[in-house]
Amino acid sequence: MAIQGIEQPEIIQVSASIRLRKYDGKNEAALQWYQDVETVYLVDGKREPYTMERLNRMYDYLNNAGELFWIEVMEQGAYRPIGDVTFCQNDMPIVIGDRNYRGKRIGRKIVSVLVDRGKALGYDYLEVAEIYNWNGGSRRCFESIGFKAFEKTEKGARYKLYL
């Protein structure tokens, strides 16, 4: 579901080889990401792999919270999903599920494009509900774009970027 009163784009081109594609409800490729205990720890702070039922519940929630997208990369002439991101004003959860693509600044490119989307929609700010203390990659990603910690949480901090 798109943001209230706003049509969610089918595709947002991030670069020549990276795009965001509107969530389509086909979650099979993502299950392997969310069964990796290290990925789940970065996302949830727990090391309990997802079942398909839990994955479907999460995506239903995210799809109702904002604009949910697959993160896709071009490989051998075709796009394939490597992660997901949800865009809404008060949170922007992003997961590069395929470990082969972590640490390549893909998250920074995606967050930058979504910051531009927020500006185009007239938002005054964007927030990230929580980044855990142990998730240095996510923290560096958002801070590199200008997000600042503004409130401590039990396991990390909330971040905000004024537009």
N, C-alpha and C. Protein backbone atom coordinates (compact mmCIF):
# COMPACT_ATOMS: atom_id res chain seq x y z
N MET A 1 0.85 -1.18 0.00
CA MET A 1 0.00 0.00 0.00
C MET A 1 0.89 1.24 0.00
N ALA A 2 0.56 2.15 -0.84
CA ALA A 2 1.32 3.39 -0.92
C ALA A 2 0.99 4.30 0.26
N ILE A 3 1.73 5.36 0.37
CA ILE A 3 1.47 6.38 1.38
C ILE A 3 0.11 7.00 1.07
N GLN A 4 -0.65 7.27 2.10
CA GLN A 4 -2.00 7.80 1.94
C GLN A 4 -2.04 8.95 0.93
N GLY A 5 -2.81 8.78 -0.12
CA GLY A 5 -3.00 9.82 -1.11
C GLY A 5 -1.88 9.98 -2.13
N ILE A 6 -0.86 9.12 -2.05
CA ILE A 6 0.29 9.19 -2.95
C ILE A 6 0.40 7.86 -3.70
N GLU A 7 0.56 7.93 -5.00
CA GLU A 7 0.73 6.71 -5.78
C GLU A 7 2.18 6.25 -5.70
N GLN A 8 2.37 5.02 -5.31
CA GLN A 8 3.71 4.46 -5.22
C GLN A 8 4.24 4.16 -6.62
N PRO A 9 5.46 4.59 -6.92
CA PRO A 9 6.03 4.27 -8.22
C PRO A 9 6.27 2.77 -8.38
N GLU A 10 6.10 2.28 -9.58
CA GLU A 10 6.40 0.87 -9.87
C GLU A 10 7.91 0.63 -9.79
N ILE A 11 8.68 1.58 -10.32
CA ILE A 11 10.14 1.47 -10.37
C ILE A 11 10.74 2.82 -9.98
N ILE A 12 11.79 2.77 -9.16
CA ILE A 12 12.63 3.94 -8.92
C ILE A 12 14.04 3.51 -9.32
N GLN A 13 14.57 4.14 -10.34
CA GLN A 13 15.91 3.80 -10.80
C GLN A 13 16.92 4.49 -9.88
N VAL A 14 17.80 3.72 -9.28
CA VAL A 14 18.79 4.23 -8.34
C VAL A 14 20.10 4.52 -9.06
N SER A 15 20.49 3.62 -9.94
CA SER A 15 21.69 3.78 -10.77
C SER A 15 21.47 2.93 -12.02
N ALA A 16 22.48 2.84 -12.87
CA ALA A 16 22.34 2.06 -14.09
C ALA A 16 22.08 0.58 -13.79
N SER A 17 22.55 0.10 -12.65
CA SER A 17 22.40 -1.33 -12.36
C SER A 17 21.61 -1.64 -11.08
N ILE A 18 21.05 -0.61 -10.44
CA ILE A 18 20.29 -0.80 -9.19
C ILE A 18 18.95 -0.10 -9.33
N ARG A 19 17.91 -0.79 -8.92
CA ARG A 19 16.59 -0.17 -8.93
C ARG A 19 15.78 -0.66 -7.74
N LEU A 20 14.73 0.10 -7.44
CA LEU A 20 13.72 -0.31 -6.47
C LEU A 20 12.48 -0.67 -7.28
N ARG A 21 11.92 -1.84 -6.98
CA ARG A 21 10.71 -2.28 -7.67
C ARG A 21 9.60 -2.48 -6.63
N LYS A 22 8.44 -1.93 -6.92
CA LYS A 22 7.31 -2.01 -6.01
C LYS A 22 7.08 -3.46 -5.58
N TYR A 23 6.87 -3.63 -4.29
CA TYR A 23 6.61 -4.94 -3.69
C TYR A 23 5.45 -5.63 -4.40
N ASP A 24 5.63 -6.91 -4.69
CA ASP A 24 4.62 -7.65 -5.44
C ASP A 24 4.02 -8.83 -4.69
N GLY A 25 4.41 -9.03 -3.42
CA GLY A 25 3.85 -10.12 -2.64
C GLY A 25 4.53 -11.46 -2.85
N LYS A 26 5.51 -11.53 -3.71
CA LYS A 26 6.22 -12.79 -3.97
C LYS A 26 7.48 -12.80 -3.12
N ASN A 27 7.41 -13.50 -1.98
CA ASN A 27 8.44 -13.40 -0.95
C ASN A 27 9.45 -14.54 -0.93
N GLU A 28 9.33 -15.49 -1.84
CA GLU A 28 10.16 -16.69 -1.77
C GLU A 28 11.66 -16.38 -1.77
N ALA A 29 12.10 -15.47 -2.62
CA ALA A 29 13.54 -15.14 -2.70
C ALA A 29 14.05 -14.55 -1.39
N ALA A 30 13.19 -13.86 -0.67
CA ALA A 30 13.61 -13.18 0.56
C ALA A 30 13.73 -14.13 1.75
N LEU A 31 13.11 -15.28 1.68
CA LEU A 31 13.13 -16.18 2.83
C LEU A 31 14.55 -16.56 3.22
N GLN A 32 15.42 -16.81 2.24
CA GLN A 32 16.80 -17.19 2.58
C GLN A 32 17.53 -16.07 3.31
N TRP A 33 17.23 -14.81 3.00
CA TRP A 33 17.88 -13.70 3.71
C TRP A 33 17.49 -13.74 5.18
N TYR A 34 16.20 -13.93 5.41
CA TYR A 34 15.67 -13.86 6.77
C TYR A 34 15.79 -15.18 7.54
N GLN A 35 16.43 -16.16 6.93
CA GLN A 35 16.79 -17.37 7.66
C GLN A 35 18.25 -17.33 8.08
N ASP A 36 18.99 -16.34 7.61
CA ASP A 36 20.38 -16.15 8.01
C ASP A 36 20.37 -15.45 9.38
N VAL A 37 20.90 -16.12 10.40
CA VAL A 37 20.78 -15.59 11.77
C VAL A 37 21.52 -14.27 11.96
N GLU A 38 22.61 -14.04 11.24
CA GLU A 38 23.31 -12.77 11.37
C GLU A 38 22.49 -11.62 10.77
N THR A 39 21.84 -11.87 9.65
CA THR A 39 20.97 -10.85 9.06
C THR A 39 19.82 -10.54 10.01
N VAL A 40 19.20 -11.58 10.55
CA VAL A 40 18.08 -11.39 11.47
C VAL A 40 18.53 -10.62 12.71
N TYR A 41 19.74 -10.85 13.17
CA TYR A 41 20.26 -10.12 14.33
C TYR A 41 20.37 -8.63 14.02
N LEU A 42 20.85 -8.30 12.83
CA LEU A 42 20.95 -6.89 12.44
C LEU A 42 19.56 -6.24 12.33
N VAL A 43 18.58 -7.01 11.89
CA VAL A 43 17.23 -6.50 11.67
C VAL A 43 16.41 -6.45 12.96
N ASP A 44 16.44 -7.54 13.73
CA ASP A 44 15.55 -7.69 14.88
C ASP A 44 16.25 -7.71 16.24
N GLY A 45 17.56 -7.85 16.24
CA GLY A 45 18.26 -7.96 17.51
C GLY A 45 18.12 -9.34 18.13
N LYS A 46 17.64 -10.30 17.35
CA LYS A 46 17.49 -11.70 17.80
C LYS A 46 18.12 -12.58 16.73
N ARG A 47 18.41 -13.80 17.11
CA ARG A 47 18.99 -14.75 16.16
C ARG A 47 18.02 -15.89 15.89
N GLU A 48 16.78 -15.54 15.63
CA GLU A 48 15.74 -16.53 15.36
C GLU A 48 15.31 -16.41 13.90
N PRO A 49 15.66 -17.41 13.06
CA PRO A 49 15.31 -17.34 11.64
C PRO A 49 13.80 -17.22 11.42
N TYR A 50 13.45 -16.56 10.34
CA TYR A 50 12.04 -16.38 9.98
C TYR A 50 11.50 -17.64 9.34
N THR A 51 10.22 -17.88 9.55
CA THR A 51 9.46 -18.85 8.77
C THR A 51 8.77 -18.06 7.66
N MET A 52 8.22 -18.74 6.69
CA MET A 52 7.49 -18.04 5.63
C MET A 52 6.30 -17.28 6.21
N GLU A 53 5.65 -17.86 7.20
CA GLU A 53 4.51 -17.18 7.83
C GLU A 53 4.95 -15.86 8.49
N ARG A 54 6.05 -15.90 9.21
CA ARG A 54 6.56 -14.68 9.86
C ARG A 54 6.99 -13.65 8.82
N LEU A 55 7.63 -14.13 7.75
CA LEU A 55 8.07 -13.24 6.68
C LEU A 55 6.87 -12.56 6.03
N ASN A 56 5.82 -13.32 5.76
CA ASN A 56 4.61 -12.75 5.17
C ASN A 56 3.98 -11.71 6.08
N ARG A 57 3.95 -11.98 7.39
CA ARG A 57 3.40 -11.00 8.35
C ARG A 57 4.22 -9.72 8.33
N MET A 58 5.56 -9.86 8.30
CA MET A 58 6.41 -8.68 8.29
C MET A 58 6.15 -7.85 7.03
N TYR A 59 6.12 -8.50 5.88
CA TYR A 59 5.91 -7.76 4.64
C TYR A 59 4.50 -7.15 4.58
N ASP A 60 3.50 -7.83 5.12
CA ASP A 60 2.17 -7.24 5.17
C ASP A 60 2.19 -5.96 6.00
N TYR A 61 2.87 -6.01 7.15
CA TYR A 61 2.99 -4.84 8.02
C TYR A 61 3.70 -3.70 7.29
N LEU A 62 4.88 -4.01 6.71
CA LEU A 62 5.66 -2.97 6.04
C LEU A 62 4.92 -2.38 4.84
N ASN A 63 4.23 -3.21 4.12
CA ASN A 63 3.49 -2.75 2.94
C ASN A 63 2.35 -1.82 3.34
N ASN A 64 1.81 -2.01 4.53
CA ASN A 64 0.76 -1.12 5.03
C ASN A 64 1.32 0.12 5.71
N ALA A 65 2.59 0.08 6.10
CA ALA A 65 3.22 1.21 6.80
C ALA A 65 3.71 2.28 5.84
N GLY A 66 4.01 1.90 4.61
CA GLY A 66 4.57 2.85 3.65
C GLY A 66 4.75 2.21 2.30
N GLU A 67 5.74 2.69 1.58
CA GLU A 67 6.04 2.16 0.25
C GLU A 67 7.12 1.08 0.37
N LEU A 68 6.74 -0.15 0.13
CA LEU A 68 7.67 -1.28 0.24
C LEU A 68 8.21 -1.61 -1.15
N PHE A 69 9.53 -1.75 -1.22
CA PHE A 69 10.20 -2.03 -2.49
C PHE A 69 11.17 -3.19 -2.35
N TRP A 70 11.35 -3.93 -3.44
CA TRP A 70 12.47 -4.85 -3.58
C TRP A 70 13.67 -4.04 -4.06
N ILE A 71 14.82 -4.30 -3.51
CA ILE A 71 16.07 -3.74 -4.02
C ILE A 71 16.59 -4.76 -5.03
N GLU A 72 16.78 -4.30 -6.27
CA GLU A 72 17.20 -5.22 -7.32
C GLU A 72 18.49 -4.73 -7.99
N VAL A 73 19.32 -5.68 -8.40
CA VAL A 73 20.54 -5.38 -9.14
C VAL A 73 20.49 -6.09 -10.49
N MET A 74 21.12 -5.47 -11.46
CA MET A 74 21.22 -6.05 -12.79
C MET A 74 22.37 -7.04 -12.81
N GLU A 75 22.06 -8.26 -13.20
CA GLU A 75 23.07 -9.31 -13.35
C GLU A 75 22.79 -10.04 -14.65
N GLN A 76 23.75 -10.08 -15.52
CA GLN A 76 23.64 -10.80 -16.80
C GLN A 76 22.36 -10.45 -17.55
N GLY A 77 22.07 -9.15 -17.60
CA GLY A 77 20.95 -8.67 -18.39
C GLY A 77 19.57 -8.75 -17.75
N ALA A 78 19.51 -9.16 -16.48
CA ALA A 78 18.21 -9.25 -15.80
C ALA A 78 18.36 -8.76 -14.36
N TYR A 79 17.29 -8.16 -13.84
CA TYR A 79 17.29 -7.71 -12.46
C TYR A 79 16.92 -8.87 -11.54
N ARG A 80 17.56 -8.89 -10.38
CA ARG A 80 17.20 -9.87 -9.35
C ARG A 80 17.22 -9.19 -7.99
N PRO A 81 16.30 -9.62 -7.09
CA PRO A 81 16.23 -8.99 -5.77
C PRO A 81 17.39 -9.38 -4.87
N ILE A 82 17.89 -8.37 -4.14
CA ILE A 82 18.98 -8.62 -3.16
C ILE A 82 18.62 -8.08 -1.78
N GLY A 83 17.46 -7.44 -1.67
CA GLY A 83 17.07 -6.86 -0.39
C GLY A 83 15.74 -6.16 -0.49
N ASP A 84 15.39 -5.45 0.57
CA ASP A 84 14.13 -4.72 0.61
C ASP A 84 14.29 -3.43 1.39
N VAL A 85 13.40 -2.49 1.11
CA VAL A 85 13.39 -1.22 1.83
C VAL A 85 11.95 -0.71 1.87
N THR A 86 11.60 -0.11 2.99
CA THR A 86 10.30 0.53 3.13
C THR A 86 10.52 2.02 3.33
N PHE A 87 9.79 2.81 2.57
CA PHE A 87 9.89 4.26 2.68
C PHE A 87 8.64 4.81 3.33
N CYS A 88 8.81 5.45 4.47
CA CYS A 88 7.75 6.25 5.08
C CYS A 88 8.45 7.32 5.91
N GLN A 89 7.74 8.35 6.25
CA GLN A 89 8.37 9.49 6.90
C GLN A 89 8.99 9.13 8.24
N ASN A 90 8.39 8.22 8.99
CA ASN A 90 8.85 7.95 10.35
C ASN A 90 9.71 6.69 10.49
N ASP A 91 10.03 6.06 9.38
CA ASP A 91 10.93 4.91 9.44
C ASP A 91 11.37 4.55 8.02
N MET A 92 12.53 3.94 7.92
CA MET A 92 13.04 3.55 6.62
C MET A 92 13.86 2.26 6.77
N PRO A 93 13.22 1.16 7.15
CA PRO A 93 13.98 -0.08 7.30
C PRO A 93 14.51 -0.55 5.95
N ILE A 94 15.78 -0.88 5.93
CA ILE A 94 16.44 -1.35 4.70
C ILE A 94 17.28 -2.56 5.05
N VAL A 95 17.22 -3.57 4.19
CA VAL A 95 18.00 -4.78 4.37
C VAL A 95 18.63 -5.16 3.04
N ILE A 96 19.94 -5.25 3.03
CA ILE A 96 20.64 -5.86 1.91
C ILE A 96 20.78 -7.33 2.31
N GLY A 97 19.86 -8.14 1.85
CA GLY A 97 19.79 -9.53 2.29
C GLY A 97 20.88 -10.41 1.72
N ASP A 98 21.28 -10.15 0.49
CA ASP A 98 22.33 -10.92 -0.14
C ASP A 98 23.68 -10.40 0.36
N ARG A 99 24.37 -11.19 1.13
CA ARG A 99 25.64 -10.77 1.75
C ARG A 99 26.68 -10.30 0.73
N ASN A 100 26.61 -10.82 -0.49
CA ASN A 100 27.57 -10.45 -1.53
C ASN A 100 27.49 -8.97 -1.91
N TYR A 101 26.39 -8.32 -1.55
CA TYR A 101 26.20 -6.92 -1.92
C TYR A 101 26.33 -5.97 -0.74
N ARG A 102 26.65 -6.46 0.42
CA ARG A 102 26.85 -5.59 1.58
C ARG A 102 28.21 -4.92 1.49
N GLY A 103 28.29 -3.71 2.05
CA GLY A 103 29.56 -2.99 2.07
C GLY A 103 29.94 -2.39 0.73
N LYS A 104 29.01 -2.30 -0.19
CA LYS A 104 29.28 -1.76 -1.53
C LYS A 104 28.58 -0.41 -1.75
N ARG A 105 28.09 0.18 -0.67
CA ARG A 105 27.43 1.49 -0.68
C ARG A 105 26.09 1.50 -1.43
N ILE A 106 25.52 0.34 -1.62
CA ILE A 106 24.20 0.26 -2.25
C ILE A 106 23.16 0.90 -1.34
N GLY A 107 23.24 0.63 -0.05
CA GLY A 107 22.30 1.22 0.90
C GLY A 107 22.34 2.74 0.87
N ARG A 108 23.53 3.30 0.79
CA ARG A 108 23.67 4.77 0.73
C ARG A 108 23.00 5.33 -0.51
N LYS A 109 23.18 4.67 -1.63
CA LYS A 109 22.54 5.13 -2.87
C LYS A 109 21.03 5.09 -2.74
N ILE A 110 20.52 4.03 -2.16
CA ILE A 110 19.07 3.87 -2.01
C ILE A 110 18.52 4.92 -1.04
N VAL A 111 19.15 5.07 0.10
CA VAL A 111 18.67 6.05 1.08
C VAL A 111 18.72 7.46 0.48
N SER A 112 19.76 7.77 -0.27
CA SER A 112 19.85 9.09 -0.91
C SER A 112 18.69 9.33 -1.86
N VAL A 113 18.35 8.34 -2.65
CA VAL A 113 17.22 8.46 -3.58
C VAL A 113 15.91 8.63 -2.81
N LEU A 114 15.78 7.92 -1.70
CA LEU A 114 14.54 8.04 -0.91
C LEU A 114 14.48 9.37 -0.16
N VAL A 115 15.62 9.92 0.21
CA VAL A 115 15.63 11.28 0.77
C VAL A 115 15.12 12.26 -0.28
N ASP A 116 15.56 12.11 -1.51
CA ASP A 116 15.06 12.97 -2.59
C ASP A 116 13.55 12.79 -2.77
N ARG A 117 13.06 11.58 -2.62
CA ARG A 117 11.61 11.33 -2.70
C ARG A 117 10.89 12.07 -1.58
N GLY A 118 11.45 12.02 -0.38
CA GLY A 118 10.86 12.74 0.74
C GLY A 118 10.78 14.23 0.48
N LYS A 119 11.84 14.79 -0.07
CA LYS A 119 11.84 16.22 -0.42
C LYS A 119 10.77 16.52 -1.46
N ALA A 120 10.67 15.66 -2.47
CA ALA A 120 9.67 15.87 -3.54
C ALA A 120 8.25 15.80 -3.00
N LEU A 121 8.05 14.99 -1.96
CA LEU A 121 6.72 14.88 -1.35
C LEU A 121 6.45 16.00 -0.35
N GLY A 122 7.43 16.88 -0.13
CA GLY A 122 7.23 18.02 0.76
C GLY A 122 7.46 17.73 2.23
N TYR A 123 8.11 16.62 2.55
CA TYR A 123 8.38 16.30 3.95
C TYR A 123 9.41 17.27 4.52
N ASP A 124 9.26 17.59 5.80
CA ASP A 124 10.22 18.44 6.51
C ASP A 124 11.38 17.62 7.09
N TYR A 125 11.13 16.33 7.31
CA TYR A 125 12.12 15.46 7.92
C TYR A 125 11.83 14.02 7.54
N LEU A 126 12.82 13.16 7.78
CA LEU A 126 12.67 11.71 7.70
C LEU A 126 13.28 11.13 8.96
N GLU A 127 12.73 10.03 9.43
CA GLU A 127 13.25 9.37 10.62
C GLU A 127 13.51 7.89 10.35
N VAL A 128 14.39 7.35 11.18
CA VAL A 128 14.60 5.91 11.25
C VAL A 128 14.25 5.54 12.69
N ALA A 129 13.29 4.62 12.85
CA ALA A 129 12.76 4.30 14.17
C ALA A 129 13.84 3.80 15.13
N GLU A 130 14.76 2.97 14.64
CA GLU A 130 15.83 2.49 15.52
C GLU A 130 16.92 1.84 14.68
N ILE A 131 18.15 2.16 15.04
CA ILE A 131 19.31 1.44 14.54
C ILE A 131 20.02 0.89 15.78
N TYR A 132 20.20 -0.41 15.80
CA TYR A 132 20.84 -1.04 16.96
C TYR A 132 22.31 -0.63 17.06
N ASN A 133 22.81 -0.59 18.29
CA ASN A 133 24.21 -0.22 18.53
C ASN A 133 25.19 -1.10 17.77
N TRP A 134 24.87 -2.37 17.61
CA TRP A 134 25.79 -3.32 16.97
C TRP A 134 25.69 -3.31 15.44
N ASN A 135 24.79 -2.51 14.88
CA ASN A 135 24.63 -2.47 13.43
C ASN A 135 25.40 -1.27 12.85
N GLY A 136 26.71 -1.38 12.89
CA GLY A 136 27.57 -0.29 12.44
C GLY A 136 27.37 0.07 10.97
N GLY A 137 27.12 -0.93 10.13
CA GLY A 137 26.91 -0.65 8.70
C GLY A 137 25.71 0.24 8.46
N SER A 138 24.62 -0.05 9.12
CA SER A 138 23.41 0.75 8.97
C SER A 138 23.62 2.15 9.54
N ARG A 139 24.26 2.22 10.67
CA ARG A 139 24.53 3.52 11.29
C ARG A 139 25.38 4.39 10.37
N ARG A 140 26.46 3.81 9.84
CA ARG A 140 27.33 4.56 8.92
C ARG A 140 26.58 4.99 7.66
N CYS A 141 25.73 4.11 7.16
CA CYS A 141 24.95 4.42 5.96
C CYS A 141 24.10 5.67 6.17
N PHE A 142 23.29 5.67 7.21
CA PHE A 142 22.39 6.80 7.45
C PHE A 142 23.15 8.06 7.86
N GLU A 143 24.18 7.93 8.68
CA GLU A 143 24.96 9.10 9.10
C GLU A 143 25.69 9.73 7.92
N SER A 144 26.12 8.93 6.96
CA SER A 144 26.83 9.48 5.80
C SER A 144 25.93 10.39 4.95
N ILE A 145 24.64 10.23 5.09
CA ILE A 145 23.68 11.03 4.33
C ILE A 145 23.21 12.23 5.15
N GLY A 146 23.55 12.24 6.43
CA GLY A 146 23.20 13.39 7.26
C GLY A 146 22.23 13.10 8.40
N PHE A 147 21.76 11.87 8.52
CA PHE A 147 20.89 11.52 9.64
C PHE A 147 21.69 11.64 10.93
N LYS A 148 21.02 12.11 11.98
CA LYS A 148 21.65 12.26 13.30
C LYS A 148 20.82 11.53 14.34
N ALA A 149 21.51 10.89 15.27
CA ALA A 149 20.83 10.26 16.40
C ALA A 149 20.18 11.38 17.22
N PHE A 150 18.90 11.21 17.54
CA PHE A 150 18.22 12.24 18.33
C PHE A 150 17.57 11.70 19.59
N GLU A 151 17.52 10.39 19.72
CA GLU A 151 16.91 9.81 20.91
C GLU A 151 17.47 8.40 21.11
N LYS A 152 17.94 8.15 22.32
CA LYS A 152 18.43 6.81 22.64
C LYS A 152 17.26 5.86 22.83
N THR A 153 17.48 4.61 22.43
CA THR A 153 16.51 3.55 22.68
C THR A 153 17.21 2.51 23.56
N GLU A 154 16.49 1.50 23.95
CA GLU A 154 17.08 0.48 24.81
C GLU A 154 18.29 -0.19 24.15
N LYS A 155 18.21 -0.41 22.82
CA LYS A 155 19.27 -1.14 22.13
C LYS A 155 20.03 -0.31 21.11
N GLY A 156 19.72 0.98 21.00
CA GLY A 156 20.38 1.79 19.98
C GLY A 156 19.93 3.23 20.03
N ALA A 157 19.50 3.72 18.87
CA ALA A 157 19.06 5.12 18.80
C ALA A 157 18.10 5.31 17.63
N ARG A 158 17.28 6.36 17.75
CA ARG A 158 16.41 6.83 16.66
C ARG A 158 17.18 7.91 15.92
N TYR A 159 16.98 7.97 14.62
CA TYR A 159 17.71 8.93 13.78
C TYR A 159 16.75 9.82 13.03
N LYS A 160 17.21 11.04 12.74
CA LYS A 160 16.38 12.01 12.02
C LYS A 160 17.24 12.80 11.05
N LEU A 161 16.65 13.14 9.93
CA LEU A 161 17.26 14.02 8.96
C LEU A 161 16.25 15.12 8.62
N TYR A 162 16.63 16.37 8.87
CA TYR A 162 15.78 17.48 8.48
C TYR A 162 16.04 17.80 7.02
N LEU A 163 14.96 17.92 6.29
CA LEU A 163 15.06 18.19 4.86
C LEU A 163 14.93 19.66 4.62
